[in-house]
Amino acid sequence: MGKAVENTSDQFRYVKNRIDMLHQVVESMDPEELDREDFQRVHQMVEQLHIKMDRFKKDWDAPES
């Protein structure tokens, strides 16, 4: 696993990189050859990104000490 992402700029960079990766995966898929497993794999990637973004949002919403 990678190192912890703690500050907002690193968190945003992480999200941007994950979106770029998701884009590459989707672009590599042939819609005519797509099967249920491919669709589920993309769905899982989106869900994982959503979970991570929710965690980051909690960090951004937390009051600073």
Protein backbone atom coordinates (compact mmCIF):
# COMPACT_ATOMS: atom_id res chain seq x y z
CA MET A 1 0.00 0.00 0.00
CA GLY A 2 1.01 3.63 -0.38
CA LYS A 3 1.77 6.17 2.29
CA ALA A 4 -1.00 7.99 4.15
CA VAL A 5 -2.50 10.98 2.38
CA GLU A 6 -3.02 13.66 5.01
CA ASN A 7 -3.09 17.17 3.58
CA THR A 8 -5.74 18.47 1.22
CA SER A 9 -3.45 19.00 -1.76
CA ASP A 10 -2.15 15.41 -1.51
CA GLN A 11 -5.70 14.16 -1.11
CA PHE A 12 -6.80 16.01 -4.24
CA ARG A 13 -3.76 14.72 -6.12
CA TYR A 14 -4.71 11.17 -5.04
CA VAL A 15 -8.28 11.63 -6.33
CA LYS A 16 -7.03 13.08 -9.61
CA ASN A 17 -4.65 10.15 -10.13
CA ARG A 18 -7.42 7.64 -9.37
CA ILE A 19 -9.75 9.34 -11.85
CA ASP A 20 -6.99 9.26 -14.48
CA MET A 21 -6.49 5.55 -13.79
CA LEU A 22 -10.22 4.88 -14.04
CA HIS A 23 -10.32 6.75 -17.32
CA GLN A 24 -7.47 4.63 -18.71
CA VAL A 25 -9.23 1.42 -17.68
CA VAL A 26 -12.53 2.49 -19.25
CA GLU A 27 -10.81 3.70 -22.44
CA SER A 28 -9.09 0.33 -22.84
CA MET A 29 -12.40 -1.55 -22.80
CA ASP A 30 -14.24 -2.42 -25.98
CA PRO A 31 -17.98 -1.79 -25.49
CA GLU A 32 -18.75 -4.60 -27.92
CA GLU A 33 -16.70 -7.06 -25.83
CA LEU A 34 -17.74 -5.83 -22.38
CA ASP A 35 -19.03 -8.47 -19.99
CA ARG A 36 -20.58 -8.41 -16.52
CA GLU A 37 -17.20 -8.85 -14.79
CA ASP A 38 -15.73 -5.86 -16.64
CA PHE A 39 -18.70 -3.73 -15.65
CA GLN A 40 -18.46 -4.85 -12.04
CA ARG A 41 -14.73 -4.11 -11.96
CA VAL A 42 -15.35 -0.52 -13.10
CA HIS A 43 -18.22 -0.19 -10.64
CA GLN A 44 -15.96 -1.40 -7.81
CA MET A 45 -13.29 1.15 -8.75
CA VAL A 46 -15.88 3.93 -8.69
CA GLU A 47 -17.23 2.76 -5.32
CA GLN A 48 -13.72 2.61 -3.82
CA LEU A 49 -13.03 6.14 -5.03
CA HIS A 50 -16.33 7.30 -3.55
CA ILE A 51 -15.43 5.79 -0.17
CA LYS A 52 -12.00 7.44 -0.21
CA MET A 53 -13.50 10.80 -1.18
CA ASP A 54 -15.99 10.54 1.70
CA ARG A 55 -13.05 9.99 4.08
CA PHE A 56 -11.23 12.98 2.63
CA LYS A 57 -14.37 15.10 2.93
CA LYS A 58 -14.53 14.31 6.65
CA ASP A 59 -10.93 15.54 6.94
CA TRP A 60 -11.77 18.75 5.08
CA ASP A 61 -14.89 19.31 7.22
CA ALA A 62 -13.07 18.66 10.51
CA PRO A 63 -12.32 21.77 12.52
CA GLU A 64 -8.65 22.67 12.52
CA SER A 65 -6.86 22.67 15.86
